[in-house]
Amino acid sequence: MSSTEDALQPPKDTTPPKDTTLSDSLNRIRQDQAEVSVEARQPSAERAVEILDDLKERIDPEILAGLCHPNIVLILTGARAQTEDYILHPTERDRVALEKAADLLQDYGIALIIDNEVDTRAIDDAEILGFFIVDLAILARASRSTTIPGIIPYGASTGVEGMQAWVQDCVRSLEAQSKEGHLDKKISQENLVHIVVGIAKGYPDKAILSYLCNIDDAVTAEHVMSSDIEHADEYDCPQPNYLYGNELLNDPDVLSHQQMWAKLLEDFYESKWHEDIKTDPRYKQILTKQREGLG
């Protein structure tokens, strides 16, 4: 299992977790409650440990190990709302195991949406089974805490379907803000959607805007730098780093954000829970392969 950070929209052909009308209504009630409580809750490694420990005896070890990747860990801590991931060389057993994990994650307000079809894109010459994961209450909080003009508050109770409409509404609102001169003219209309993507992925407002002001520059590489978040390389998989303009090199807000994410990852990877599964015979080989980039 590995992770990518390409887009906010769920895959077009997806399999949502199985739901009845009653359970769907209950999920919406839980989302409303979660949206209220999450405002006062600080991100913590303990939350990630709690969720994964609850899943440990109920989902496939390969799936659990993949949920320990840094991009997903940061979602489980409550520090960010959204990311994508995929399974290399998928089998039908992998799909069934992932569907079970998706059902269980609903109890934590986390939606995991699976591609209906195996993707034949060449990633190390391998087929992939992709999925999209989002904490809806955290997305609602992020939409309200941003200072970027044009971002409309998202309601967690509207679910993934509401999120898709929210993205479109935000882009239209950002277009209006841009035309009125409230956004930097260097940010093209085509790139406005990446503001919404960046907010969902938990990046700092300054970093999002700074990067997009430089992305269309002919010498972008000279003007842009990457974060270097400690403990993001625990496994050989894509890391939760992000790009921004060189002018933010010593920006206190951006540095504080990176330190916060680094601390969350440190606390998780050095937790007794994570240390224990590294020596558990069911997980040791899987995690070693992932650490060395072999799985």
Protein backbone atom coordinates (compact mmCIF):
# COMPACT_ATOMS: atom_id res chain seq x y z
CA MET A 1 0.00 0.00 0.00
CA SER A 2 1.28 3.43 -0.86
CA SER A 3 -0.07 6.95 -0.87
CA THR A 4 -0.54 9.76 -3.34
CA GLU A 5 -1.69 13.36 -2.96
CA ASP A 6 -3.18 14.22 -6.33
CA ALA A 7 -6.79 15.32 -5.93
CA LEU A 8 -9.67 16.08 -3.60
CA GLN A 9 -12.56 14.62 -5.58
CA PRO A 10 -13.31 10.95 -4.86
CA PRO A 11 -12.81 8.59 -7.83
CA LYS A 12 -15.72 8.70 -10.28
CA ASP A 13 -16.29 4.94 -10.10
CA THR A 14 -16.34 4.07 -6.45
CA THR A 15 -17.87 1.64 -4.01
CA PRO A 16 -19.22 3.45 -0.93
CA PRO A 17 -19.52 1.57 2.34
CA LYS A 18 -22.74 -0.45 2.45
CA ASP A 19 -25.51 1.49 4.21
CA THR A 20 -29.20 1.19 4.91
CA THR A 21 -31.46 4.22 5.13
CA LEU A 22 -31.57 3.94 8.92
CA SER A 23 -27.82 3.58 9.34
CA ASP A 24 -27.28 6.46 6.91
CA SER A 25 -29.49 8.67 9.08
CA LEU A 26 -27.61 7.60 12.20
CA ASN A 27 -24.31 8.36 10.49
CA ARG A 28 -25.52 11.87 9.69
CA ILE A 29 -26.48 12.40 13.32
CA ARG A 30 -23.05 11.19 14.41
CA GLN A 31 -21.43 13.55 11.89
CA ASP A 32 -23.40 16.51 13.28
CA GLN A 33 -22.24 15.60 16.79
CA ALA A 34 -18.66 15.05 15.64
CA GLU A 35 -18.59 18.38 13.85
CA VAL A 36 -19.48 20.15 17.08
CA SER A 37 -17.05 18.23 19.30
CA VAL A 38 -14.12 18.37 16.89
CA GLU A 39 -13.90 22.15 17.19
CA ALA A 40 -12.57 21.81 20.73
CA ARG A 41 -10.48 18.69 20.12
CA GLN A 42 -6.78 19.04 19.50
CA PRO A 43 -5.05 16.63 17.10
CA SER A 44 -3.33 13.81 18.98
CA ALA A 45 -1.40 10.63 18.29
CA GLU A 46 -3.51 8.99 20.97
CA ARG A 47 -6.57 9.27 18.73
CA ALA A 48 -4.76 7.47 15.90
CA VAL A 49 -3.64 4.75 18.30
CA GLU A 50 -7.18 4.40 19.65
CA ILE A 51 -8.67 3.96 16.18
CA LEU A 52 -6.03 1.52 14.95
CA ASP A 53 -6.09 -0.49 18.15
CA ASP A 54 -9.86 -0.84 17.76
CA LEU A 55 -9.36 -2.07 14.18
CA LYS A 56 -6.36 -4.28 14.90
CA GLU A 57 -8.19 -7.53 15.60
CA ARG A 58 -10.94 -6.84 13.08
CA ILE A 59 -9.18 -6.04 9.79
CA ASP A 60 -6.55 -7.68 7.61
CA PRO A 61 -2.94 -7.07 8.81
CA GLU A 62 -1.92 -5.75 5.38
CA ILE A 63 -4.66 -3.12 5.52
CA LEU A 64 -3.84 -2.13 9.11
CA ALA A 65 -0.15 -1.77 8.21
CA GLY A 66 -1.07 0.50 5.30
CA LEU A 67 -3.10 2.71 7.64
CA CYS A 68 0.17 3.36 9.52
CA HIS A 69 1.55 5.40 6.61
CA PRO A 70 2.19 9.04 7.58
CA ASN A 71 -0.41 10.62 5.27
CA ILE A 72 -3.15 8.49 6.81
CA VAL A 73 -1.79 8.68 10.36
CA LEU A 74 -2.19 12.46 10.21
CA ILE A 75 -5.86 12.00 9.27
CA LEU A 76 -6.37 9.59 12.17
CA THR A 77 -4.79 12.07 14.59
CA GLY A 78 -7.27 14.73 13.46
CA ALA A 79 -4.58 16.97 11.96
CA ARG A 80 -5.76 16.86 8.35
CA ALA A 81 -8.94 15.91 6.53
CA GLN A 82 -8.11 14.09 3.32
CA THR A 83 -5.68 11.98 1.31
CA GLU A 84 -5.62 9.18 -1.27
CA ASP A 85 -3.94 5.80 -1.16
CA TYR A 86 -3.71 2.58 -3.14
CA ILE A 87 -2.84 -1.10 -2.90
CA LEU A 88 -0.23 -2.51 -5.27
CA HIS A 89 -0.89 -5.87 -6.94
CA PRO A 90 -4.46 -6.01 -5.54
CA THR A 91 -6.42 -9.22 -5.15
CA GLU A 92 -10.12 -9.72 -4.53
CA ARG A 93 -9.16 -10.52 -0.94
CA ASP A 94 -7.63 -7.02 -0.68
CA ARG A 95 -10.85 -5.41 -1.89
CA VAL A 96 -12.98 -7.34 0.59
CA ALA A 97 -10.58 -6.46 3.43
CA LEU A 98 -10.59 -2.79 2.44
CA GLU A 99 -14.40 -2.75 2.31
CA LYS A 100 -14.48 -4.12 5.86
CA ALA A 101 -12.08 -1.41 7.04
CA ALA A 102 -14.28 1.21 5.34
CA ASP A 103 -17.34 -0.04 7.21
CA LEU A 104 -15.51 0.11 10.55
CA LEU A 105 -14.00 3.56 9.95
CA GLN A 106 -17.49 5.02 9.59
CA ASP A 107 -17.82 4.79 13.37
CA TYR A 108 -15.06 7.43 13.60
CA GLY A 109 -16.59 9.74 11.01
CA ILE A 110 -14.04 8.69 8.40
CA ALA A 111 -15.20 7.84 4.88
CA LEU A 112 -13.11 5.44 2.80
CA ILE A 113 -14.24 5.20 -0.82
CA ILE A 114 -12.82 2.45 -3.02
CA ASP A 115 -12.32 2.49 -6.81
CA ASN A 116 -14.65 0.05 -8.55
CA GLU A 117 -12.00 -0.91 -11.08
CA VAL A 118 -8.35 -1.84 -10.75
CA ASP A 119 -6.23 0.89 -12.34
CA THR A 120 -3.78 -0.24 -14.98
CA ARG A 121 -1.55 2.83 -14.59
CA ALA A 122 2.10 1.90 -14.46
CA ILE A 123 3.28 2.42 -10.90
CA ASP A 124 6.40 0.30 -10.70
CA ASP A 125 4.77 -1.69 -13.53
CA ALA A 126 2.00 -2.77 -11.18
CA GLU A 127 -1.77 -2.59 -11.12
CA ILE A 128 -3.29 -0.59 -8.26
CA LEU A 129 -6.54 -0.47 -6.32
CA GLY A 130 -7.06 3.09 -5.24
CA PHE A 131 -9.12 4.61 -2.50
CA PHE A 132 -10.00 8.03 -1.14
CA ILE A 133 -10.15 8.73 2.61
CA VAL A 134 -11.58 11.77 4.40
CA ASP A 135 -12.51 12.74 7.95
CA LEU A 136 -15.65 14.76 7.32
CA ALA A 137 -15.70 16.59 10.67
CA ILE A 138 -12.07 17.65 10.24
CA LEU A 139 -12.88 18.90 6.74
CA ALA A 140 -15.72 20.97 8.22
CA ARG A 141 -13.30 22.45 10.77
CA ALA A 142 -10.70 23.22 8.10
CA SER A 143 -13.27 24.99 5.93
CA ARG A 144 -14.18 27.24 8.84
CA SER A 145 -10.68 27.95 10.13
CA THR A 146 -9.09 29.04 6.85
CA THR A 147 -8.62 32.77 6.29
CA ILE A 148 -8.55 32.45 2.49
CA PRO A 149 -11.45 34.49 1.03
CA GLY A 150 -13.99 32.48 -0.92
CA ILE A 151 -13.95 29.22 1.03
CA ILE A 152 -17.49 28.23 2.00
CA PRO A 153 -18.11 26.32 5.24
CA TYR A 154 -18.66 22.60 4.67
CA GLY A 155 -21.25 20.62 6.63
CA ALA A 156 -20.05 17.17 7.66
CA SER A 157 -23.60 15.81 7.78
CA THR A 158 -23.86 16.26 3.98
CA GLY A 159 -21.41 13.39 3.58
CA VAL A 160 -19.12 12.67 0.64
CA GLU A 161 -21.84 13.71 -1.81
CA GLY A 162 -22.04 17.09 -0.11
CA MET A 163 -18.26 17.40 -0.22
CA GLN A 164 -18.25 17.12 -3.99
CA ALA A 165 -20.81 19.93 -4.24
CA TRP A 166 -18.82 21.94 -1.67
CA VAL A 167 -15.69 21.79 -3.83
CA GLN A 168 -17.60 23.11 -6.83
CA ASP A 169 -19.22 25.88 -4.78
CA CYS A 170 -15.85 26.92 -3.35
CA VAL A 171 -14.27 27.11 -6.80
CA ARG A 172 -17.09 29.36 -8.03
CA SER A 173 -16.73 31.52 -4.92
CA LEU A 174 -12.95 31.72 -5.37
CA GLU A 175 -13.45 32.76 -9.00
CA ALA A 176 -15.61 35.66 -7.80
CA GLN A 177 -13.05 36.63 -5.14
CA SER A 178 -10.32 36.54 -7.77
CA LYS A 179 -12.25 38.76 -10.18
CA GLU A 180 -12.84 41.23 -7.35
CA GLY A 181 -9.12 41.37 -6.62
CA HIS A 182 -9.17 39.58 -3.27
CA LEU A 183 -6.72 36.89 -4.45
CA ASP A 184 -3.28 37.37 -5.93
CA LYS A 185 -3.44 37.80 -9.71
CA LYS A 186 -0.58 35.31 -10.06
CA ILE A 187 -2.98 32.49 -9.13
CA SER A 188 -4.63 31.35 -12.36
CA GLN A 189 -8.30 30.46 -12.61
CA GLU A 190 -7.33 26.88 -13.46
CA ASN A 191 -5.42 26.54 -10.19
CA LEU A 192 -8.14 27.85 -7.86
CA VAL A 193 -9.31 24.29 -7.18
CA HIS A 194 -5.88 23.57 -5.67
CA ILE A 195 -6.69 26.04 -2.90
CA VAL A 196 -9.57 23.79 -1.88
CA VAL A 197 -7.36 20.70 -2.23
CA GLY A 198 -4.67 22.24 -0.04
CA ILE A 199 -7.14 23.15 2.69
CA ALA A 200 -8.55 19.61 2.72
CA LYS A 201 -5.05 18.17 2.96
CA GLY A 202 -4.28 20.37 5.94
CA TYR A 203 -1.61 22.61 4.44
CA PRO A 204 -1.12 26.12 5.88
CA ASP A 205 -3.00 28.91 4.09
CA LYS A 206 0.25 30.79 3.50
CA ALA A 207 1.90 27.77 1.94
CA ILE A 208 -1.03 27.08 -0.39
CA LEU A 209 -1.20 30.65 -1.70
CA SER A 210 2.57 31.04 -1.90
CA TYR A 211 2.98 27.89 -3.97
CA LEU A 212 0.16 28.78 -6.36
CA CYS A 213 1.67 32.24 -6.89
CA ASN A 214 4.84 30.53 -8.10
CA ILE A 215 3.49 27.48 -9.90
CA ASP A 216 3.02 29.21 -13.26
CA ASP A 217 6.43 30.84 -13.15
CA ALA A 218 8.86 29.66 -15.83
CA VAL A 219 11.48 29.12 -13.14
CA THR A 220 9.23 27.63 -10.46
CA ALA A 221 11.98 25.31 -9.19
CA GLU A 222 14.11 28.30 -8.22
CA HIS A 223 11.28 29.98 -6.31
CA VAL A 224 9.74 27.01 -4.50
CA MET A 225 10.92 24.81 -1.66
CA SER A 226 9.55 21.75 0.11
CA SER A 227 8.83 21.18 3.76
CA ASP A 228 10.97 18.54 5.44
CA ILE A 229 8.77 17.10 8.15
CA GLU A 230 10.58 14.87 10.60
CA HIS A 231 9.37 11.29 11.02
CA ALA A 232 7.52 11.44 7.68
CA ASP A 233 9.97 8.86 6.31
CA GLU A 234 9.14 6.07 8.75
CA TYR A 235 7.99 4.02 5.76
CA ASP A 236 9.11 4.09 2.14
CA CYS A 237 5.98 5.76 0.81
CA PRO A 238 4.95 9.26 -0.26
CA GLN A 239 5.34 11.73 2.57
CA PRO A 240 3.05 14.52 3.84
CA ASN A 241 5.39 17.29 2.73
CA TYR A 242 4.19 20.29 0.73
CA LEU A 243 5.63 23.05 -1.45
CA TYR A 244 5.69 26.81 -0.90
CA GLY A 245 7.62 29.89 -2.00
CA ASN A 246 11.13 30.56 -0.74
CA GLU A 247 9.91 33.74 0.95
CA LEU A 248 8.33 31.53 3.63
CA LEU A 249 11.63 29.86 4.54
CA ASN A 250 11.54 31.12 8.13
CA ASP A 251 7.85 31.94 8.41
CA PRO A 252 6.80 31.18 12.01
CA ASP A 253 3.33 29.92 11.06
CA VAL A 254 4.62 27.50 8.46
CA LEU A 255 7.41 26.29 10.74
CA SER A 256 4.94 25.83 13.60
CA HIS A 257 2.69 23.75 11.34
CA GLN A 258 5.58 21.48 10.31
CA GLN A 259 6.65 21.06 13.92
CA MET A 260 3.10 20.13 14.91
CA TRP A 261 2.84 17.45 12.22
CA ALA A 262 6.32 16.17 13.08
CA LYS A 263 5.40 15.88 16.76
CA LEU A 264 2.22 13.97 15.97
CA LEU A 265 4.14 11.51 13.79
CA GLU A 266 6.88 11.15 16.40
CA ASP A 267 4.35 10.45 19.13
CA PHE A 268 2.61 7.85 16.99
CA TYR A 269 5.68 6.03 15.70
CA GLU A 270 7.31 6.00 19.13
CA SER A 271 4.13 4.90 20.90
CA LYS A 272 4.05 1.57 22.69
CA TRP A 273 1.27 0.46 20.34
CA HIS A 274 3.38 1.00 17.22
CA GLU A 275 6.46 -0.51 18.85
CA ASP A 276 4.41 -3.56 19.78
CA ILE A 277 3.07 -4.24 16.29
CA LYS A 278 6.59 -3.94 14.84
CA THR A 279 7.51 -7.06 16.83
CA ASP A 280 4.14 -8.82 16.45
CA PRO A 281 4.66 -11.81 14.12
CA ARG A 282 1.49 -10.87 12.20
CA TYR A 283 2.86 -7.44 11.30
CA LYS A 284 6.65 -7.57 11.57
CA GLN A 285 7.35 -8.81 8.05
CA ILE A 286 4.69 -6.58 6.47
CA LEU A 287 5.98 -3.42 8.18
CA THR A 288 9.61 -4.30 7.45
CA LYS A 289 8.79 -4.67 3.74
CA GLN A 290 6.98 -1.33 3.76
CA ARG A 291 9.85 0.35 5.57
CA GLU A 292 12.30 -0.94 2.97
CA GLY A 293 10.05 -0.14 0.03
CA LEU A 294 9.35 -3.77 -0.86
CA GLY A 295 5.60 -3.78 -0.32
